[in-house]
Amino acid sequence: MKSKSPRSASELEETFALHCKVRGLAPEREHQFHPSRKWKFDFAFVDRKVAIECEGGMWVNGRHSRGSGAVADMEKYNAAAALGWFIFRFDILKIRSGHAIDLIDSVLKNRS
């Protein structure tokens, strides 16, 4: 069976990746965390079970702000939490401002 090509990273994900690089952090990108579902996190610090989701389209009726997308996200995030993951969700404002990387950097320091 032919595998799907990886989706291209959003500007939002690229911004968060750059912030990680500046801080010397190296999360795994597109980490498939579930043993039987194909769910992936945008970024994951696998050894600490800390996941980051970059939630784009919040203000333009994107996937995360519509009913079916929000319900699917709930299923994914609840399954991840049941497996012991800490999931942090950030919108464009929190990522661009640096709030997201500040929080994640702090969380990682406290979980080491």
C-alpha atoms as a PDB file:
ATOM      1  CA  MET A   1       0.000   0.000   0.000  1.00  0.00           C
ATOM      2  CA  LYS A   2       1.348   3.416  -0.926  1.00  0.00           C
ATOM      3  CA  SER A   3       1.854   5.707   2.059  1.00  0.00           C
ATOM      4  CA  LYS A   4       0.537   9.231   2.059  1.00  0.00           C
ATOM      5  CA  SER A   5       3.114  11.942   1.659  1.00  0.00           C
ATOM      6  CA  PRO A   6       3.626  13.968   4.830  1.00  0.00           C
ATOM      7  CA  ARG A   7       1.535  17.090   5.086  1.00  0.00           C
ATOM      8  CA  SER A   8       3.388  20.333   4.783  1.00  0.00           C
ATOM      9  CA  ALA A   9       4.020  22.208   7.981  1.00  0.00           C
ATOM     10  CA  SER A  10       2.038  25.352   8.584  1.00  0.00           C
ATOM     11  CA  GLU A  11       3.581  28.775   9.157  1.00  0.00           C
ATOM     12  CA  LEU A  12       2.399  28.402  12.733  1.00  0.00           C
ATOM     13  CA  GLU A  13       4.271  25.111  13.191  1.00  0.00           C
ATOM     14  CA  GLU A  14       7.374  26.519  11.538  1.00  0.00           C
ATOM     15  CA  THR A  15       7.322  29.479  13.943  1.00  0.00           C
ATOM     16  CA  PHE A  16       7.077  27.173  16.952  1.00  0.00           C
ATOM     17  CA  ALA A  17       9.870  24.970  15.534  1.00  0.00           C
ATOM     18  CA  LEU A  18      12.102  28.040  15.175  1.00  0.00           C
ATOM     19  CA  HIS A  19      11.371  29.068  18.768  1.00  0.00           C
ATOM     20  CA  CYS A  20      12.323  25.552  19.897  1.00  0.00           C
ATOM     21  CA  LYS A  21      15.566  25.700  17.944  1.00  0.00           C
ATOM     22  CA  VAL A  22      16.503  29.052  19.488  1.00  0.00           C
ATOM     23  CA  ARG A  23      15.950  27.537  22.960  1.00  0.00           C
ATOM     24  CA  GLY A  24      17.946  24.414  22.111  1.00  0.00           C
ATOM     25  CA  LEU A  25      14.869  22.196  22.276  1.00  0.00           C
ATOM     26  CA  ALA A  26      14.415  19.317  19.855  1.00  0.00           C
ATOM     27  CA  PRO A  27      10.883  17.930  19.908  1.00  0.00           C
ATOM     28  CA  GLU A  28       9.838  15.140  17.575  1.00  0.00           C
ATOM     29  CA  ARG A  29       7.529  16.423  14.864  1.00  0.00           C
ATOM     30  CA  GLU A  30       4.402  14.573  13.774  1.00  0.00           C
ATOM     31  CA  HIS A  31       4.761  11.982  16.545  1.00  0.00           C
ATOM     32  CA  GLN A  32       2.235   9.144  16.263  1.00  0.00           C
ATOM     33  CA  PHE A  33       1.386   8.507  19.902  1.00  0.00           C
ATOM     34  CA  HIS A  34      -1.466   6.012  19.845  1.00  0.00           C
ATOM     35  CA  PRO A  35      -0.860   2.256  19.490  1.00  0.00           C
ATOM     36  CA  SER A  36      -3.773   1.631  17.105  1.00  0.00           C
ATOM     37  CA  ARG A  37      -4.962   5.002  15.775  1.00  0.00           C
ATOM     38  CA  LYS A  38      -3.026   7.180  13.339  1.00  0.00           C
ATOM     39  CA  TRP A  39      -3.270  10.251  15.550  1.00  0.00           C
ATOM     40  CA  LYS A  40      -0.197  12.469  15.657  1.00  0.00           C
ATOM     41  CA  PHE A  41       0.940  15.419  17.713  1.00  0.00           C
ATOM     42  CA  ASP A  42       2.421  18.440  15.942  1.00  0.00           C
ATOM     43  CA  PHE A  43       5.350  18.321  18.391  1.00  0.00           C
ATOM     44  CA  ALA A  44       6.226  15.881  21.160  1.00  0.00           C
ATOM     45  CA  PHE A  45       8.858  15.530  23.817  1.00  0.00           C
ATOM     46  CA  VAL A  46       8.340  11.788  23.879  1.00  0.00           C
ATOM     47  CA  ASP A  47      10.535  10.978  26.884  1.00  0.00           C
ATOM     48  CA  ARG A  48       8.514  13.405  29.025  1.00  0.00           C
ATOM     49  CA  LYS A  49       5.128  12.758  27.404  1.00  0.00           C
ATOM     50  CA  VAL A  50       4.637  16.457  26.660  1.00  0.00           C
ATOM     51  CA  ALA A  51       2.770  17.243  23.445  1.00  0.00           C
ATOM     52  CA  ILE A  52       2.159  20.508  21.636  1.00  0.00           C
ATOM     53  CA  GLU A  53      -0.660  21.151  19.201  1.00  0.00           C
ATOM     54  CA  CYS A  54      -0.600  24.269  17.026  1.00  0.00           C
ATOM     55  CA  GLU A  55      -4.241  25.186  16.567  1.00  0.00           C
ATOM     56  CA  GLY A  56      -4.601  27.204  13.402  1.00  0.00           C
ATOM     57  CA  GLY A  57      -7.810  28.511  11.883  1.00  0.00           C
ATOM     58  CA  MET A  58      -9.390  29.441  15.193  1.00  0.00           C
ATOM     59  CA  TRP A  59     -10.737  32.763  13.923  1.00  0.00           C
ATOM     60  CA  VAL A  60     -11.646  31.812  10.363  1.00  0.00           C
ATOM     61  CA  ASN A  61     -14.032  28.900  10.942  1.00  0.00           C
ATOM     62  CA  GLY A  62     -11.195  26.408  10.599  1.00  0.00           C
ATOM     63  CA  ARG A  63     -11.280  22.722  11.486  1.00  0.00           C
ATOM     64  CA  HIS A  64     -10.623  23.212  15.204  1.00  0.00           C
ATOM     65  CA  SER A  65     -13.505  25.650  15.661  1.00  0.00           C
ATOM     66  CA  ARG A  66     -16.221  23.692  13.847  1.00  0.00           C
ATOM     67  CA  GLY A  67     -18.333  21.077  15.590  1.00  0.00           C
ATOM     68  CA  SER A  68     -17.068  17.910  13.912  1.00  0.00           C
ATOM     69  CA  GLY A  69     -13.430  18.985  14.108  1.00  0.00           C
ATOM     70  CA  ALA A  70     -13.728  19.976  17.755  1.00  0.00           C
ATOM     71  CA  VAL A  71     -15.375  16.645  18.635  1.00  0.00           C
ATOM     72  CA  ALA A  72     -12.621  14.720  16.806  1.00  0.00           C
ATOM     73  CA  ASP A  73      -9.992  16.764  18.663  1.00  0.00           C
ATOM     74  CA  MET A  74     -11.658  15.906  21.985  1.00  0.00           C
ATOM     75  CA  GLU A  75     -11.495  12.201  21.187  1.00  0.00           C
ATOM     76  CA  LYS A  76      -7.806  12.465  20.280  1.00  0.00           C
ATOM     77  CA  TYR A  77      -6.827  14.569  23.294  1.00  0.00           C
ATOM     78  CA  ASN A  78      -8.781  12.421  25.753  1.00  0.00           C
ATOM     79  CA  ALA A  79      -7.150   9.260  24.387  1.00  0.00           C
ATOM     80  CA  ALA A  80      -3.731  10.893  24.732  1.00  0.00           C
ATOM     81  CA  ALA A  81      -4.448  11.966  28.307  1.00  0.00           C
ATOM     82  CA  ALA A  82      -5.553   8.420  29.133  1.00  0.00           C
ATOM     83  CA  LEU A  83      -2.109   7.280  27.932  1.00  0.00           C
ATOM     84  CA  GLY A  84      -0.407   9.760  30.280  1.00  0.00           C
ATOM     85  CA  TRP A  85       0.325  12.621  27.868  1.00  0.00           C
ATOM     86  CA  PHE A  86       0.293  16.287  28.855  1.00  0.00           C
ATOM     87  CA  ILE A  87      -1.164  18.173  25.889  1.00  0.00           C
ATOM     88  CA  PHE A  88      -0.652  21.889  25.358  1.00  0.00           C
ATOM     89  CA  ARG A  89      -2.702  23.647  22.689  1.00  0.00           C
ATOM     90  CA  PHE A  90      -1.667  27.033  21.354  1.00  0.00           C
ATOM     91  CA  ASP A  91      -3.191  29.469  18.894  1.00  0.00           C
ATOM     92  CA  ILE A  92      -1.331  31.811  16.591  1.00  0.00           C
ATOM     93  CA  LEU A  93      -1.197  34.666  19.111  1.00  0.00           C
ATOM     94  CA  LYS A  94       0.384  32.550  21.860  1.00  0.00           C
ATOM     95  CA  ILE A  95       2.937  31.078  19.460  1.00  0.00           C
ATOM     96  CA  ARG A  96       3.950  34.332  17.777  1.00  0.00           C
ATOM     97  CA  SER A  97       4.206  36.226  21.078  1.00  0.00           C
ATOM     98  CA  GLY A  98       6.566  33.650  22.573  1.00  0.00           C
ATOM     99  CA  HIS A  99       4.114  32.683  25.340  1.00  0.00           C
ATOM    100  CA  ALA A 100       3.923  29.111  24.022  1.00  0.00           C
ATOM    101  CA  ILE A 101       7.674  28.485  24.028  1.00  0.00           C
ATOM    102  CA  ASP A 102       8.056  30.169  27.435  1.00  0.00           C
ATOM    103  CA  LEU A 103       5.443  27.856  28.940  1.00  0.00           C
ATOM    104  CA  ILE A 104       6.812  24.716  27.285  1.00  0.00           C
ATOM    105  CA  ASP A 105      10.378  25.562  28.297  1.00  0.00           C
ATOM    106  CA  SER A 106       9.196  25.983  31.894  1.00  0.00           C
ATOM    107  CA  VAL A 107       7.183  22.758  31.846  1.00  0.00           C
ATOM    108  CA  LEU A 108      10.123  20.782  30.481  1.00  0.00           C
ATOM    109  CA  LYS A 109      12.441  22.167  33.161  1.00  0.00           C
ATOM    110  CA  ASN A 110       9.936  21.151  35.845  1.00  0.00           C
ATOM    111  CA  ARG A 111       9.478  17.633  34.399  1.00  0.00           C
ATOM    112  CA  SER A 112      13.180  16.765  34.084  1.00  0.00           C
END
